[in-house]
Amino acid sequence: MGIGIKGRVAIVTGAGGGLGREHALALAARGAKVVINDFGGATDGTGGSSERAEAVAREIREAGGEAIANGASVTDVAAVEAMVAQAMSAWGRVDILVNNAGILRDKTFAKMDLADFRTVLDVHLMGSVICTKAVWEIMREAKYGRIVMTTSSTGLYGNFGQTNYGAAKLALVGFMQTLGLEGEKYGIRVNALAPTAATRMTEGLLPPGAEAALAPAAVSPGVVALVSEDAPNRAILCAGAGSFELAHITLTRGAYIGTGDDAAEQVLARFDEIADRNGETVPVNGNGQAVVQMENLQAALGR
């Protein structure tokens, strides 16, 4: 039995091309009504035009689906609120939000202007926060919602020349983790997607021959799964080239060092023991760290 999202209303940001376009087409193909949001700027966020969003919306309508275009910048609170109002006016509900919009301003940290660092955070992190805030009460009142944050392997594991992008992308994981906890009792599930795909933002970065395998459309089934009625909650789903994995932020069992004068020296001397991954866990929330630490203390005290 296939995933049913027919009649659901979805907002996909950055949907004028690349990953966002494929996500929107995949949702529309399964019967969702889609707001195609795209500011229409260059990959560094400059410029702006609604033409790309209009083209994707038209493509969906010509295929028999329902879609409307919106050219709001995700950093503009009033414009985002107007976008959500547009969806509510057209269809009376918002069930799904895919936070996909993003920009790149890559440089090594030594050469990066703070303005470029801040702008990338504003679009990726605050853009996702602003869009999520605009639909949050609607979803809470409806007792249903599916939200996807777009994280990245750069945020999870690092990538040379992308300190701003990496900081924003891992921050979205933290946002997702707590939002998923807060939304659970209201039927809202929040997840993160880490895509690997050839898009405008990866031009010149991928090895020869990789582009065909890393088509954006190969990622979108992950989005469909994450916005389905049976979606998980608080997952970090990695997707690319038709392959899917889960990333986890884990906690080792560690070691009790104590608070003696040589505690710092002991941390270094026993670092391999602290880092030993045997028995590591994925805490269900932030309290998990304190639980392990108290267990280590009690074990050291012989309790």
C-alpha atoms as a PDB file:
ATOM      1  CA  MET A   1       0.000   0.000   0.000  1.00  0.00           C
ATOM      2  CA  GLY A   2       1.493   3.309  -1.088  1.00  0.00           C
ATOM      3  CA  ILE A   3       2.071   6.392   0.997  1.00  0.00           C
ATOM      4  CA  GLY A   4      -1.065   8.508   0.964  1.00  0.00           C
ATOM      5  CA  ILE A   5      -0.689  12.271   1.139  1.00  0.00           C
ATOM      6  CA  LYS A   6      -3.527  13.069  -1.253  1.00  0.00           C
ATOM      7  CA  GLY A   7      -5.250  16.281  -0.219  1.00  0.00           C
ATOM      8  CA  ARG A   8      -2.482  17.335   2.147  1.00  0.00           C
ATOM      9  CA  VAL A   9      -1.209  20.888   1.757  1.00  0.00           C
ATOM     10  CA  ALA A  10       2.551  21.314   1.582  1.00  0.00           C
ATOM     11  CA  ILE A  11       4.858  24.320   1.518  1.00  0.00           C
ATOM     12  CA  VAL A  12       8.276  23.660  -0.022  1.00  0.00           C
ATOM     13  CA  THR A  13      10.817  26.470   0.218  1.00  0.00           C
ATOM     14  CA  GLY A  14      13.544  26.915  -2.358  1.00  0.00           C
ATOM     15  CA  ALA A  15      11.391  24.889  -4.751  1.00  0.00           C
ATOM     16  CA  GLY A  16      12.195  26.761  -7.946  1.00  0.00           C
ATOM     17  CA  GLY A  17      14.883  24.265  -8.935  1.00  0.00           C
ATOM     18  CA  GLY A  18      17.171  21.491  -7.777  1.00  0.00           C
ATOM     19  CA  LEU A  19      16.146  19.535  -4.705  1.00  0.00           C
ATOM     20  CA  GLY A  20      13.183  21.725  -3.830  1.00  0.00           C
ATOM     21  CA  ARG A  21      11.651  21.338  -7.270  1.00  0.00           C
ATOM     22  CA  GLU A  22      11.992  17.559  -7.122  1.00  0.00           C
ATOM     23  CA  HIS A  23      10.510  17.466  -3.605  1.00  0.00           C
ATOM     24  CA  ALA A  24       7.533  19.527  -4.782  1.00  0.00           C
ATOM     25  CA  LEU A  25       6.987  17.389  -7.891  1.00  0.00           C
ATOM     26  CA  ALA A  26       7.155  14.206  -5.807  1.00  0.00           C
ATOM     27  CA  LEU A  27       4.609  15.501  -3.310  1.00  0.00           C
ATOM     28  CA  ALA A  28       2.299  16.746  -6.052  1.00  0.00           C
ATOM     29  CA  ALA A  29       2.518  13.412  -7.878  1.00  0.00           C
ATOM     30  CA  ARG A  30       1.060  11.778  -4.779  1.00  0.00           C
ATOM     31  CA  GLY A  31      -1.827  14.210  -4.582  1.00  0.00           C
ATOM     32  CA  ALA A  32      -0.525  16.929  -2.287  1.00  0.00           C
ATOM     33  CA  LYS A  33      -1.395  20.573  -2.976  1.00  0.00           C
ATOM     34  CA  VAL A  34       1.865  22.478  -3.010  1.00  0.00           C
ATOM     35  CA  VAL A  35       3.002  26.042  -2.396  1.00  0.00           C
ATOM     36  CA  ILE A  36       6.116  26.499  -4.518  1.00  0.00           C
ATOM     37  CA  ASN A  37       8.230  29.028  -2.659  1.00  0.00           C
ATOM     38  CA  ASP A  38      11.366  30.426  -4.214  1.00  0.00           C
ATOM     39  CA  PHE A  39      12.975  33.828  -3.821  1.00  0.00           C
ATOM     40  CA  GLY A  40      14.575  33.296  -7.207  1.00  0.00           C
ATOM     41  CA  GLY A  41      18.019  34.609  -6.337  1.00  0.00           C
ATOM     42  CA  ALA A  42      21.486  33.416  -7.228  1.00  0.00           C
ATOM     43  CA  THR A  43      23.166  30.690  -5.181  1.00  0.00           C
ATOM     44  CA  ASP A  44      24.678  33.383  -2.928  1.00  0.00           C
ATOM     45  CA  GLY A  45      21.216  34.780  -2.202  1.00  0.00           C
ATOM     46  CA  THR A  46      21.461  37.931  -4.304  1.00  0.00           C
ATOM     47  CA  GLY A  47      18.792  38.997  -6.747  1.00  0.00           C
ATOM     48  CA  GLY A  48      15.261  37.687  -6.678  1.00  0.00           C
ATOM     49  CA  SER A  49      12.402  36.785  -9.019  1.00  0.00           C
ATOM     50  CA  SER A  50       9.268  34.652  -8.764  1.00  0.00           C
ATOM     51  CA  GLU A  51       9.705  33.278 -12.310  1.00  0.00           C
ATOM     52  CA  ARG A  52      11.297  29.998 -11.221  1.00  0.00           C
ATOM     53  CA  ALA A  53       8.570  29.330  -8.649  1.00  0.00           C
ATOM     54  CA  GLU A  54       5.902  30.143 -11.236  1.00  0.00           C
ATOM     55  CA  ALA A  55       7.468  27.704 -13.722  1.00  0.00           C
ATOM     56  CA  VAL A  56       7.396  24.792 -11.254  1.00  0.00           C
ATOM     57  CA  ALA A  57       3.839  25.577 -10.159  1.00  0.00           C
ATOM     58  CA  ARG A  58       2.785  25.670 -13.800  1.00  0.00           C
ATOM     59  CA  GLU A  59       4.524  22.345 -14.419  1.00  0.00           C
ATOM     60  CA  ILE A  60       2.524  20.744 -11.603  1.00  0.00           C
ATOM     61  CA  ARG A  61      -0.774  22.224 -12.776  1.00  0.00           C
ATOM     62  CA  GLU A  62      -0.163  21.093 -16.345  1.00  0.00           C
ATOM     63  CA  ALA A  63       0.350  17.562 -15.017  1.00  0.00           C
ATOM     64  CA  GLY A  64      -3.061  17.730 -13.348  1.00  0.00           C
ATOM     65  CA  GLY A  65      -1.941  18.738  -9.856  1.00  0.00           C
ATOM     66  CA  GLU A  66      -2.619  21.776  -7.677  1.00  0.00           C
ATOM     67  CA  ALA A  67       0.105  24.328  -6.983  1.00  0.00           C
ATOM     68  CA  ILE A  68       0.579  28.026  -6.360  1.00  0.00           C
ATOM     69  CA  ALA A  69       3.770  30.036  -6.549  1.00  0.00           C
ATOM     70  CA  ASN A  70       5.234  32.342  -3.938  1.00  0.00           C
ATOM     71  CA  GLY A  71       8.367  34.479  -4.147  1.00  0.00           C
ATOM     72  CA  ALA A  72       8.875  35.330  -0.471  1.00  0.00           C
ATOM     73  CA  SER A  73      12.323  35.403   1.072  1.00  0.00           C
ATOM     74  CA  VAL A  74      12.332  32.978   3.982  1.00  0.00           C
ATOM     75  CA  THR A  75      14.139  35.645   6.039  1.00  0.00           C
ATOM     76  CA  ASP A  76      11.214  38.080   5.714  1.00  0.00           C
ATOM     77  CA  VAL A  77       8.775  37.382   8.557  1.00  0.00           C
ATOM     78  CA  ALA A  78       5.881  39.361   7.073  1.00  0.00           C
ATOM     79  CA  ALA A  79       6.325  37.797   3.617  1.00  0.00           C
ATOM     80  CA  VAL A  80       6.441  34.288   5.085  1.00  0.00           C
ATOM     81  CA  GLU A  81       3.307  34.942   7.136  1.00  0.00           C
ATOM     82  CA  ALA A  82       1.621  36.184   3.948  1.00  0.00           C
ATOM     83  CA  MET A  83       2.716  32.984   2.173  1.00  0.00           C
ATOM     84  CA  VAL A  84       1.097  30.848   4.866  1.00  0.00           C
ATOM     85  CA  ALA A  85      -2.031  33.002   4.690  1.00  0.00           C
ATOM     86  CA  GLN A  86      -2.032  32.439   0.919  1.00  0.00           C
ATOM     87  CA  ALA A  87      -2.022  28.667   1.473  1.00  0.00           C
ATOM     88  CA  MET A  88      -4.773  28.908   4.074  1.00  0.00           C
ATOM     89  CA  SER A  89      -6.886  31.088   1.784  1.00  0.00           C
ATOM     90  CA  ALA A  90      -6.468  28.687  -1.131  1.00  0.00           C
ATOM     91  CA  TRP A  91      -6.825  25.378   0.671  1.00  0.00           C
ATOM     92  CA  GLY A  92      -7.730  25.998   4.327  1.00  0.00           C
ATOM     93  CA  ARG A  93      -4.866  24.064   5.893  1.00  0.00           C
ATOM     94  CA  VAL A  94      -1.103  23.508   6.022  1.00  0.00           C
ATOM     95  CA  ASP A  95      -0.047  19.950   6.802  1.00  0.00           C
ATOM     96  CA  ILE A  96       3.530  19.786   5.550  1.00  0.00           C
ATOM     97  CA  LEU A  97       6.510  22.151   5.574  1.00  0.00           C
ATOM     98  CA  VAL A  98       9.741  21.274   3.807  1.00  0.00           C
ATOM     99  CA  ASN A  99      12.437  23.785   4.755  1.00  0.00           C
ATOM    100  CA  ASN A 100      14.754  23.502   1.775  1.00  0.00           C
ATOM    101  CA  ALA A 101      15.777  27.079   0.899  1.00  0.00           C
ATOM    102  CA  GLY A 102      19.451  27.860   1.226  1.00  0.00           C
ATOM    103  CA  ILE A 103      22.419  29.762  -0.138  1.00  0.00           C
ATOM    104  CA  LEU A 104      26.179  29.333  -0.272  1.00  0.00           C
ATOM    105  CA  ARG A 105      28.946  31.832   0.454  1.00  0.00           C
ATOM    106  CA  ASP A 106      31.941  29.537   0.691  1.00  0.00           C
ATOM    107  CA  LYS A 107      35.369  30.730   1.837  1.00  0.00           C
ATOM    108  CA  THR A 108      37.868  29.609   4.418  1.00  0.00           C
ATOM    109  CA  PHE A 109      37.139  31.091   7.824  1.00  0.00           C
ATOM    110  CA  ALA A 110      40.286  33.219   7.611  1.00  0.00           C
ATOM    111  CA  LYS A 111      38.970  34.932   4.472  1.00  0.00           C
ATOM    112  CA  MET A 112      35.277  35.019   5.344  1.00  0.00           C
ATOM    113  CA  ASP A 113      33.519  38.269   6.188  1.00  0.00           C
ATOM    114  CA  LEU A 114      31.297  38.084   9.253  1.00  0.00           C
ATOM    115  CA  ALA A 115      28.484  39.450   7.090  1.00  0.00           C
ATOM    116  CA  ASP A 116      28.703  36.371   4.855  1.00  0.00           C
ATOM    117  CA  PHE A 117      28.705  34.122   7.914  1.00  0.00           C
ATOM    118  CA  ARG A 118      25.619  35.833   9.314  1.00  0.00           C
ATOM    119  CA  THR A 119      23.734  35.857   6.005  1.00  0.00           C
ATOM    120  CA  VAL A 120      24.132  32.110   5.514  1.00  0.00           C
ATOM    121  CA  LEU A 121      22.864  31.486   9.065  1.00  0.00           C
ATOM    122  CA  ASP A 122      19.966  33.865   8.462  1.00  0.00           C
ATOM    123  CA  VAL A 123      18.780  31.989   5.366  1.00  0.00           C
ATOM    124  CA  HIS A 124      19.315  28.383   6.436  1.00  0.00           C
ATOM    125  CA  LEU A 125      18.665  28.564  10.170  1.00  0.00           C
ATOM    126  CA  MET A 126      16.478  31.602  10.736  1.00  0.00           C
ATOM    127  CA  GLY A 127      14.668  31.027   7.436  1.00  0.00           C
ATOM    128  CA  SER A 128      13.653  27.586   8.664  1.00  0.00           C
ATOM    129  CA  VAL A 129      12.728  28.996  12.075  1.00  0.00           C
ATOM    130  CA  ILE A 130      10.609  31.765  10.542  1.00  0.00           C
ATOM    131  CA  CYS A 131       8.746  29.392   8.224  1.00  0.00           C
ATOM    132  CA  THR A 132       8.211  26.867  11.003  1.00  0.00           C
ATOM    133  CA  LYS A 133       6.942  29.537  13.395  1.00  0.00           C
ATOM    134  CA  ALA A 134       4.445  30.670  10.754  1.00  0.00           C
ATOM    135  CA  VAL A 135       2.826  27.212  10.515  1.00  0.00           C
ATOM    136  CA  TRP A 136       3.354  25.966  14.067  1.00  0.00           C
ATOM    137  CA  GLU A 137       0.063  27.118  15.617  1.00  0.00           C
ATOM    138  CA  ILE A 138      -1.880  25.923  12.571  1.00  0.00           C
ATOM    139  CA  MET A 139      -0.394  22.453  12.996  1.00  0.00           C
ATOM    140  CA  ARG A 140      -0.863  22.427  16.761  1.00  0.00           C
ATOM    141  CA  GLU A 141      -4.537  23.324  16.427  1.00  0.00           C
ATOM    142  CA  ALA A 142      -5.013  20.699  13.722  1.00  0.00           C
ATOM    143  CA  LYS A 143      -3.189  18.114  15.853  1.00  0.00           C
ATOM    144  CA  TYR A 144      -1.206  17.180  12.763  1.00  0.00           C
ATOM    145  CA  GLY A 145       1.941  18.338  11.036  1.00  0.00           C
ATOM    146  CA  ARG A 146       5.032  17.111   9.243  1.00  0.00           C
ATOM    147  CA  ILE A 147       8.136  19.313   9.109  1.00  0.00           C
ATOM    148  CA  VAL A 148      11.442  18.571   7.394  1.00  0.00           C
ATOM    149  CA  MET A 149      14.642  20.513   8.048  1.00  0.00           C
ATOM    150  CA  THR A 150      17.392  20.270   5.449  1.00  0.00           C
ATOM    151  CA  THR A 151      20.677  19.569   7.184  1.00  0.00           C
ATOM    152  CA  SER A 152      23.915  18.499   5.484  1.00  0.00           C
ATOM    153  CA  SER A 153      26.885  16.202   5.791  1.00  0.00           C
ATOM    154  CA  THR A 154      28.850  19.448   6.118  1.00  0.00           C
ATOM    155  CA  GLY A 155      27.013  20.202   9.342  1.00  0.00           C
ATOM    156  CA  LEU A 156      27.252  16.634  10.578  1.00  0.00           C
ATOM    157  CA  TYR A 157      30.869  15.938   9.622  1.00  0.00           C
ATOM    158  CA  GLY A 158      32.477  19.146   8.349  1.00  0.00           C
ATOM    159  CA  ASN A 159      33.680  20.321   4.959  1.00  0.00           C
ATOM    160  CA  PHE A 160      36.599  22.604   4.149  1.00  0.00           C
ATOM    161  CA  GLY A 161      35.606  26.193   3.368  1.00  0.00           C
ATOM    162  CA  GLN A 162      32.056  25.942   4.722  1.00  0.00           C
ATOM    163  CA  THR A 163      32.162  27.040   8.362  1.00  0.00           C
ATOM    164  CA  ASN A 164      29.078  29.235   7.927  1.00  0.00           C
ATOM    165  CA  TYR A 165      27.090  26.575   6.073  1.00  0.00           C
ATOM    166  CA  GLY A 166      28.150  23.815   8.478  1.00  0.00           C
ATOM    167  CA  ALA A 167      27.235  25.865  11.545  1.00  0.00           C
ATOM    168  CA  ALA A 168      23.786  26.591  10.134  1.00  0.00           C
ATOM    169  CA  LYS A 169      23.144  23.012   9.080  1.00  0.00           C
ATOM    170  CA  LEU A 170      24.038  21.423  12.418  1.00  0.00           C
ATOM    171  CA  ALA A 171      22.041  24.104  14.230  1.00  0.00           C
ATOM    172  CA  LEU A 172      19.018  22.861  12.287  1.00  0.00           C
ATOM    173  CA  VAL A 173      19.521  19.403  13.804  1.00  0.00           C
ATOM    174  CA  GLY A 174      19.377  20.909  17.285  1.00  0.00           C
ATOM    175  CA  PHE A 175      16.254  22.844  16.307  1.00  0.00           C
ATOM    176  CA  MET A 176      14.686  19.662  14.940  1.00  0.00           C
ATOM    177  CA  GLN A 177      15.467  17.572  18.018  1.00  0.00           C
ATOM    178  CA  THR A 178      13.747  19.881  20.495  1.00  0.00           C
ATOM    179  CA  LEU A 179      10.919  20.857  18.151  1.00  0.00           C
ATOM    180  CA  GLY A 180      10.173  17.168  17.655  1.00  0.00           C
ATOM    181  CA  LEU A 181       9.845  16.736  21.407  1.00  0.00           C
ATOM    182  CA  GLU A 182       7.565  19.768  21.738  1.00  0.00           C
ATOM    183  CA  GLY A 183       5.361  18.814  18.806  1.00  0.00           C
ATOM    184  CA  GLU A 184       4.926  15.126  19.544  1.00  0.00           C
ATOM    185  CA  LYS A 185       1.826  15.430  21.718  1.00  0.00           C
ATOM    186  CA  TYR A 186       0.192  17.571  19.033  1.00  0.00           C
ATOM    187  CA  GLY A 187       0.720  15.011  16.288  1.00  0.00           C
ATOM    188  CA  ILE A 188       3.569  17.008  14.757  1.00  0.00           C
ATOM    189  CA  ARG A 189       6.628  15.063  13.647  1.00  0.00           C
ATOM    190  CA  VAL A 190       9.842  16.851  12.810  1.00  0.00           C
ATOM    191  CA  ASN A 191      12.784  15.306  10.980  1.00  0.00           C
ATOM    192  CA  ALA A 192      15.958  16.308   9.179  1.00  0.00           C
ATOM    193  CA  LEU A 193      17.179  15.350   5.724  1.00  0.00           C
ATOM    194  CA  ALA A 194      20.867  15.365   4.735  1.00  0.00           C
ATOM    195  CA  PRO A 195      20.865  15.215   0.926  1.00  0.00           C
ATOM    196  CA  THR A 196      23.686  14.469  -1.477  1.00  0.00           C
ATOM    197  CA  ALA A 197      22.737  15.765  -4.908  1.00  0.00           C
ATOM    198  CA  ALA A 198      24.055  17.600  -7.938  1.00  0.00           C
ATOM    199  CA  THR A 199      22.407  21.037  -7.972  1.00  0.00           C
ATOM    200  CA  ARG A 200      23.312  24.657  -8.725  1.00  0.00           C
ATOM    201  CA  MET A 201      24.945  24.747  -5.302  1.00  0.00           C
ATOM    202  CA  THR A 202      27.349  21.889  -6.101  1.00  0.00           C
ATOM    203  CA  GLU A 203      28.524  23.044  -9.540  1.00  0.00           C
ATOM    204  CA  GLY A 204      32.271  22.495  -9.802  1.00  0.00           C
ATOM    205  CA  LEU A 205      32.427  20.539  -6.544  1.00  0.00           C
ATOM    206  CA  LEU A 206      31.558  16.998  -7.658  1.00  0.00           C
ATOM    207  CA  PRO A 207      33.892  14.542  -9.413  1.00  0.00           C
ATOM    208  CA  PRO A 208      33.298  13.798 -13.121  1.00  0.00           C
ATOM    209  CA  GLY A 209      30.476  11.340 -13.708  1.00  0.00           C
ATOM    210  CA  ALA A 210      28.903  11.901 -10.301  1.00  0.00           C
ATOM    211  CA  GLU A 211      26.142  14.213 -11.462  1.00  0.00           C
ATOM    212  CA  ALA A 212      24.041  11.524 -13.146  1.00  0.00           C
ATOM    213  CA  ALA A 213      24.076   9.267 -10.086  1.00  0.00           C
ATOM    214  CA  LEU A 214      23.416  12.171  -7.740  1.00  0.00           C
ATOM    215  CA  ALA A 215      20.258  13.439  -9.415  1.00  0.00           C
ATOM    216  CA  PRO A 216      18.107  15.457  -6.981  1.00  0.00           C
ATOM    217  CA  ALA A 217      15.126  13.207  -7.771  1.00  0.00           C
ATOM    218  CA  ALA A 218      16.936  10.337  -6.036  1.00  0.00           C
ATOM    219  CA  VAL A 219      16.683  12.224  -2.732  1.00  0.00           C
ATOM    220  CA  SER A 220      12.993  13.133  -2.837  1.00  0.00           C
ATOM    221  CA  PRO A 221      11.602   9.689  -1.835  1.00  0.00           C
ATOM    222  CA  GLY A 222      13.172  10.421   1.540  1.00  0.00           C
ATOM    223  CA  VAL A 223      11.128  13.595   1.836  1.00  0.00           C
ATOM    224  CA  VAL A 224       7.935  11.765   0.885  1.00  0.00           C
ATOM    225  CA  ALA A 225       8.641   9.226   3.639  1.00  0.00           C
ATOM    226  CA  LEU A 226       9.389  11.940   6.212  1.00  0.00           C
ATOM    227  CA  VAL A 227       6.108  13.775   5.553  1.00  0.00           C
ATOM    228  CA  SER A 228       3.897  10.691   5.430  1.00  0.00           C
ATOM    229  CA  GLU A 229       1.369   9.780   8.111  1.00  0.00           C
ATOM    230  CA  ASP A 230       3.731   7.018   9.265  1.00  0.00           C
ATOM    231  CA  ALA A 231       6.770   9.300   9.408  1.00  0.00           C
ATOM    232  CA  PRO A 232       9.321   8.849  12.187  1.00  0.00           C
ATOM    233  CA  ASN A 233      10.063  11.671  14.591  1.00  0.00           C
ATOM    234  CA  ARG A 234      13.478  13.279  15.148  1.00  0.00           C
ATOM    235  CA  ALA A 235      15.345  11.233  12.541  1.00  0.00           C
ATOM    236  CA  ILE A 236      18.370  12.450  10.585  1.00  0.00           C
ATOM    237  CA  LEU A 237      17.868  10.773   7.216  1.00  0.00           C
ATOM    238  CA  CYS A 238      20.767  10.861   4.780  1.00  0.00           C
ATOM    239  CA  ALA A 239      19.887  10.423   1.108  1.00  0.00           C
ATOM    240  CA  GLY A 240      21.741  10.361  -2.188  1.00  0.00           C
ATOM    241  CA  ALA A 241      22.128   8.264  -5.353  1.00  0.00           C
ATOM    242  CA  GLY A 242      19.210   6.091  -4.237  1.00  0.00           C
ATOM    243  CA  SER A 243      20.940   5.192  -0.971  1.00  0.00           C
ATOM    244  CA  PHE A 244      19.491   6.034   2.443  1.00  0.00           C
ATOM    245  CA  GLU A 245      21.181   6.047   5.860  1.00  0.00           C
ATOM    246  CA  LEU A 246      20.503   7.368   9.355  1.00  0.00           C
ATOM    247  CA  ALA A 247      22.933   9.637  11.159  1.00  0.00           C
ATOM    248  CA  HIS A 248      23.017   9.734  14.958  1.00  0.00           C
ATOM    249  CA  ILE A 249      24.598  11.950  17.581  1.00  0.00           C
ATOM    250  CA  THR A 250      25.870   9.368  20.027  1.00  0.00           C
ATOM    251  CA  LEU A 251      27.228   9.354  23.574  1.00  0.00           C
ATOM    252  CA  THR A 252      30.022   7.043  24.694  1.00  0.00           C
ATOM    253  CA  ARG A 253      30.005   5.408  28.108  1.00  0.00           C
ATOM    254  CA  GLY A 254      33.014   7.547  28.993  1.00  0.00           C
ATOM    255  CA  ALA A 255      35.009   7.302  32.206  1.00  0.00           C
ATOM    256  CA  TYR A 256      34.862   8.757  35.676  1.00  0.00           C
ATOM    257  CA  ILE A 257      37.825  11.092  36.167  1.00  0.00           C
ATOM    258  CA  GLY A 258      36.857  13.007  39.277  1.00  0.00           C
ATOM    259  CA  THR A 259      37.649  16.583  40.202  1.00  0.00           C
ATOM    260  CA  GLY A 260      41.187  16.285  41.511  1.00  0.00           C
ATOM    261  CA  ASP A 261      43.990  18.687  40.691  1.00  0.00           C
ATOM    262  CA  ASP A 262      45.126  16.413  37.876  1.00  0.00           C
ATOM    263  CA  ALA A 263      41.661  15.957  36.317  1.00  0.00           C
ATOM    264  CA  ALA A 264      42.644  17.790  33.127  1.00  0.00           C
ATOM    265  CA  GLU A 265      45.751  15.619  32.749  1.00  0.00           C
ATOM    266  CA  GLN A 266      43.661  12.508  33.351  1.00  0.00           C
ATOM    267  CA  VAL A 267      41.195  13.522  30.629  1.00  0.00           C
ATOM    268  CA  LEU A 268      44.056  13.559  28.127  1.00  0.00           C
ATOM    269  CA  ALA A 269      45.761  10.449  29.483  1.00  0.00           C
ATOM    270  CA  ARG A 270      42.533   8.433  29.359  1.00  0.00           C
ATOM    271  CA  PHE A 271      41.112   9.982  26.206  1.00  0.00           C
ATOM    272  CA  ASP A 272      41.052   6.670  24.327  1.00  0.00           C
ATOM    273  CA  GLU A 273      38.988   5.171  27.153  1.00  0.00           C
ATOM    274  CA  ILE A 274      36.603   8.137  27.111  1.00  0.00           C
ATOM    275  CA  ALA A 275      36.286   7.818  23.331  1.00  0.00           C
ATOM    276  CA  ASP A 276      35.686   4.044  23.325  1.00  0.00           C
ATOM    277  CA  ARG A 277      32.481   3.505  21.348  1.00  0.00           C
ATOM    278  CA  ASN A 278      31.587   0.151  22.880  1.00  0.00           C
ATOM    279  CA  GLY A 279      28.247   0.581  24.590  1.00  0.00           C
ATOM    280  CA  GLU A 280      27.612   4.040  23.176  1.00  0.00           C
ATOM    281  CA  THR A 281      23.994   5.223  23.119  1.00  0.00           C
ATOM    282  CA  VAL A 282      21.730   7.682  21.326  1.00  0.00           C
ATOM    283  CA  PRO A 283      20.105   9.648  24.179  1.00  0.00           C
ATOM    284  CA  VAL A 284      16.376  10.248  23.830  1.00  0.00           C
ATOM    285  CA  ASN A 285      16.859  13.839  25.021  1.00  0.00           C
ATOM    286  CA  GLY A 286      19.470  16.129  26.545  1.00  0.00           C
ATOM    287  CA  ASN A 287      19.071  14.578  29.991  1.00  0.00           C
ATOM    288  CA  GLY A 288      20.746  11.423  28.695  1.00  0.00           C
ATOM    289  CA  GLN A 289      24.186  12.971  29.132  1.00  0.00           C
ATOM    290  CA  ALA A 290      23.594  13.705  32.807  1.00  0.00           C
ATOM    291  CA  VAL A 291      22.186  10.203  33.353  1.00  0.00           C
ATOM    292  CA  VAL A 292      25.386   8.569  32.045  1.00  0.00           C
ATOM    293  CA  GLN A 293      27.536  10.919  34.093  1.00  0.00           C
ATOM    294  CA  MET A 294      25.646  10.128  37.296  1.00  0.00           C
ATOM    295  CA  GLU A 295      25.923   6.407  36.531  1.00  0.00           C
ATOM    296  CA  ASN A 296      29.686   6.777  36.119  1.00  0.00           C
ATOM    297  CA  LEU A 297      29.898   8.702  39.395  1.00  0.00           C
ATOM    298  CA  GLN A 298      27.886   6.112  41.276  1.00  0.00           C
ATOM    299  CA  ALA A 299      29.974   3.293  39.815  1.00  0.00           C
ATOM    300  CA  ALA A 300      33.154   5.076  40.951  1.00  0.00           C
ATOM    301  CA  LEU A 301      31.703   5.439  44.457  1.00  0.00           C
ATOM    302  CA  GLY A 302      30.819   1.729  44.538  1.00  0.00           C
ATOM    303  CA  ARG A 303      27.073   2.236  44.702  1.00  0.00           C
END
